[in-house]
């Protein structure tokens, strides 16, 4: 049994910020190969996919977060086969051998990201161009064992009664990615 990333969705934002959002539960890889021909001039939803997206291996959409998950040999083989076909068909691999080699490398890299983490660990990535090179940084997010002491066991977003603070009115048109 191996470990692979699997897409998760905590809110609907992926469907708003990416050209195509991956469905929750898809096997995933970092997917930097999708940006081989790009440079730092990316914009819009493609830029968001570049900056923070994992590539789902069913829809070939993007996910902000993935979860380390145990994968059987047959699940790994199916993910590898889907990725191989995608690299050949959508990214113009010159032949089947090149597509197979690229898929092998990408799946192995995804496995290496998960190898030292327990199932359930959430991974996020940041991708950027630095000195003309594509760079990736990966973060792990863990569930907090004890809730925040000021609020008890509140979810990520909750109403705290009795807090006397003015409501924020952000100007969303002035925000930049």
Protein backbone atom coordinates (compact mmCIF):
# COMPACT_ATOMS: atom_id res chain seq x y z
CA UNK A 1 0.00 0.00 0.00
CA UNK A 2 1.27 3.44 -0.89
CA UNK A 3 0.12 6.95 -0.01
CA UNK A 4 -1.07 9.44 -2.59
CA UNK A 5 -2.66 12.89 -2.41
CA UNK A 6 -6.44 13.03 -2.80
CA UNK A 7 -8.34 16.24 -3.46
CA UNK A 8 -10.51 17.75 -0.74
CA UNK A 9 -12.75 20.78 -0.78
CA UNK A 10 -13.51 22.69 2.42
CA UNK A 11 -15.60 25.36 0.69
CA UNK A 12 -16.73 26.25 -2.86
CA UNK A 13 -13.81 28.64 -3.56
CA UNK A 14 -11.97 26.24 -5.91
CA UNK A 15 -14.91 26.38 -8.32
CA UNK A 16 -14.58 30.17 -8.38
CA UNK A 17 -10.82 30.67 -8.62
CA UNK A 18 -9.67 27.89 -10.98
CA UNK A 19 -10.47 27.39 -14.68
CA UNK A 20 -11.83 23.95 -13.69
CA UNK A 21 -12.12 22.71 -10.12
CA UNK A 22 -11.28 19.11 -9.28
CA UNK A 23 -14.03 17.15 -7.61
CA UNK A 24 -13.43 16.11 -4.00
CA UNK A 25 -11.88 12.65 -3.75
CA UNK A 26 -9.81 12.59 -6.95
CA UNK A 27 -6.27 11.26 -6.83
CA UNK A 28 -3.92 14.18 -7.43
CA UNK A 29 -0.39 15.22 -8.33
CA UNK A 30 1.26 18.63 -8.03
CA UNK A 31 0.90 19.12 -11.80
CA UNK A 32 3.71 21.63 -12.42
CA UNK A 33 4.24 20.03 -15.84
CA UNK A 34 1.03 21.77 -16.95
CA UNK A 35 2.97 25.06 -16.83
CA UNK A 36 6.16 24.04 -18.68
CA UNK A 37 5.53 26.49 -21.50
CA UNK A 38 4.40 29.37 -19.27
CA UNK A 39 6.25 32.24 -17.67
CA UNK A 40 5.56 34.80 -14.96
CA UNK A 41 3.00 36.62 -17.15
CA UNK A 42 0.12 34.27 -16.26
CA UNK A 43 -3.12 35.94 -15.26
CA UNK A 44 -6.60 35.20 -14.00
CA UNK A 45 -7.74 31.69 -13.15
CA UNK A 46 -4.77 30.04 -14.86
CA UNK A 47 -2.48 32.07 -12.60
CA UNK A 48 -4.40 30.82 -9.56
CA UNK A 49 -4.01 27.22 -10.76
CA UNK A 50 -0.29 27.85 -11.21
CA UNK A 51 0.16 29.47 -7.81
CA UNK A 52 -1.75 27.02 -5.62
CA UNK A 53 -3.28 24.12 -7.53
CA UNK A 54 -2.91 20.36 -7.34
CA UNK A 55 -4.06 18.56 -10.49
CA UNK A 56 -6.93 16.10 -9.99
CA UNK A 57 -6.53 12.91 -12.03
CA UNK A 58 -10.16 12.35 -13.00
CA UNK A 59 -11.40 15.77 -14.13
CA UNK A 60 -7.93 17.30 -14.62
CA UNK A 61 -9.23 20.25 -12.66
CA UNK A 62 -7.45 21.97 -9.79
CA UNK A 63 -7.68 21.72 -6.01
CA UNK A 64 -6.18 24.03 -3.40
CA UNK A 65 -5.82 21.26 -0.83
CA UNK A 66 -5.12 17.54 -0.88
CA UNK A 67 -5.18 14.95 1.87
CA UNK A 68 -2.64 12.16 2.31
CA UNK A 69 -4.55 8.93 1.68
CA UNK A 70 -3.65 5.24 1.48
CA UNK A 71 -3.92 3.91 -2.07
CA UNK A 72 -4.08 0.30 -3.18
CA UNK A 73 -1.91 -0.93 -6.04
CA UNK A 74 -4.92 -0.91 -8.37
CA UNK A 75 -5.86 2.67 -7.37
CA UNK A 76 -2.28 3.79 -7.97
CA UNK A 77 -2.26 2.03 -11.36
CA UNK A 78 -5.53 3.70 -12.37
CA UNK A 79 -4.20 7.14 -11.36
CA UNK A 80 -0.99 6.48 -13.29
CA UNK A 81 -2.91 5.34 -16.40
CA UNK A 82 -5.15 8.42 -16.35
CA UNK A 83 -2.15 10.71 -15.95
CA UNK A 84 -0.24 8.96 -18.75
CA UNK A 85 -3.15 9.42 -21.16
CA UNK A 86 -3.54 13.06 -20.12
CA UNK A 87 0.15 13.83 -20.65
CA UNK A 88 0.01 12.21 -24.09
CA UNK A 89 -3.31 13.69 -25.23
CA UNK A 90 -3.42 17.14 -23.60
CA UNK A 91 0.26 17.98 -23.31
CA UNK A 92 1.60 16.54 -26.55
CA UNK A 93 4.07 13.94 -25.32
CA UNK A 94 5.98 12.89 -28.45
CA UNK A 95 5.27 9.18 -27.88
CA UNK A 96 3.89 6.69 -25.38
CA UNK A 97 7.32 6.11 -23.81
CA UNK A 98 7.70 9.83 -23.02
CA UNK A 99 4.19 9.98 -21.56
CA UNK A 100 4.87 6.89 -19.43
CA UNK A 101 8.15 8.30 -18.13
CA UNK A 102 6.59 11.67 -17.27
CA UNK A 103 3.66 9.99 -15.48
CA UNK A 104 6.07 7.71 -13.56
CA UNK A 105 8.04 10.76 -12.38
CA UNK A 106 4.96 12.75 -11.37
CA UNK A 107 3.34 9.87 -9.47
CA UNK A 108 6.64 9.10 -7.71
CA UNK A 109 6.94 12.74 -6.69
CA UNK A 110 3.35 12.75 -5.35
CA UNK A 111 4.13 9.59 -3.35
CA UNK A 112 7.28 11.19 -1.93
CA UNK A 113 5.23 14.17 -0.72
CA UNK A 114 2.99 11.79 1.24
CA UNK A 115 5.54 9.25 2.44
CA UNK A 116 6.43 10.92 5.74
CA UNK A 117 2.90 12.01 6.64
CA UNK A 118 0.09 10.13 8.32
CA UNK A 119 -3.13 9.59 6.39
CA UNK A 120 -5.38 12.58 6.92
CA UNK A 121 -2.55 15.14 6.76
CA UNK A 122 -3.58 18.04 4.52
CA UNK A 123 -1.08 19.45 2.02
CA UNK A 124 -1.03 22.85 0.33
CA UNK A 125 1.42 24.21 -2.21
CA UNK A 126 2.81 27.50 -3.40
CA UNK A 127 4.28 27.64 -6.89
CA UNK A 128 6.23 30.57 -8.32
CA UNK A 129 8.86 31.55 -10.85
CA UNK A 130 12.13 32.50 -9.21
CA UNK A 131 15.17 33.46 -11.27
CA UNK A 132 13.53 32.03 -14.38
CA UNK A 133 12.97 28.66 -12.65
CA UNK A 134 9.72 27.15 -11.45
CA UNK A 135 9.80 26.59 -7.66
CA UNK A 136 7.34 24.76 -5.43
CA UNK A 137 6.94 24.92 -1.66
CA UNK A 138 4.70 22.47 0.18
CA UNK A 139 3.06 22.98 3.58
CA UNK A 140 1.37 20.52 5.86
CA UNK A 141 -1.74 21.39 7.80
CA UNK A 142 -2.71 19.34 10.83
CA UNK A 143 -5.89 19.21 12.85
CA UNK A 144 -5.50 20.97 16.17
CA UNK A 145 -5.63 18.47 19.01
CA UNK A 146 -7.06 20.98 21.48
CA UNK A 147 -9.44 23.74 20.48
CA UNK A 148 -8.46 27.38 20.76
CA UNK A 149 -8.76 28.29 24.45
CA UNK A 150 -10.71 31.54 23.92
CA UNK A 151 -13.53 30.00 21.94
CA UNK A 152 -13.78 26.34 22.92
CA UNK A 153 -14.63 23.98 20.08
CA UNK A 154 -15.82 26.42 17.42
CA UNK A 155 -15.68 25.54 13.74
CA UNK A 156 -13.49 27.56 11.37
CA UNK A 157 -16.28 30.10 10.90
CA UNK A 158 -18.66 30.72 13.77
CA UNK A 159 -20.66 33.46 15.42
CA UNK A 160 -19.27 34.54 18.76
CA UNK A 161 -21.98 36.31 20.73
CA UNK A 162 -21.13 39.32 22.82
CA UNK A 163 -18.13 40.40 20.73
CA UNK A 164 -18.42 44.15 20.22
CA UNK A 165 -16.43 44.82 17.05
CA UNK A 166 -17.51 46.76 13.99
CA UNK A 167 -18.30 44.67 10.93
CA UNK A 168 -15.67 44.82 8.24
CA UNK A 169 -16.69 46.10 4.85
CA UNK A 170 -13.84 45.02 2.55
CA UNK A 171 -13.66 46.44 -0.96
CA UNK A 172 -13.25 43.23 -2.96
CA UNK A 173 -12.52 45.15 -6.15
CA UNK A 174 -9.26 46.40 -4.62
CA UNK A 175 -7.92 42.96 -3.67
CA UNK A 176 -5.13 41.54 -5.78
CA UNK A 177 -4.10 37.87 -6.10
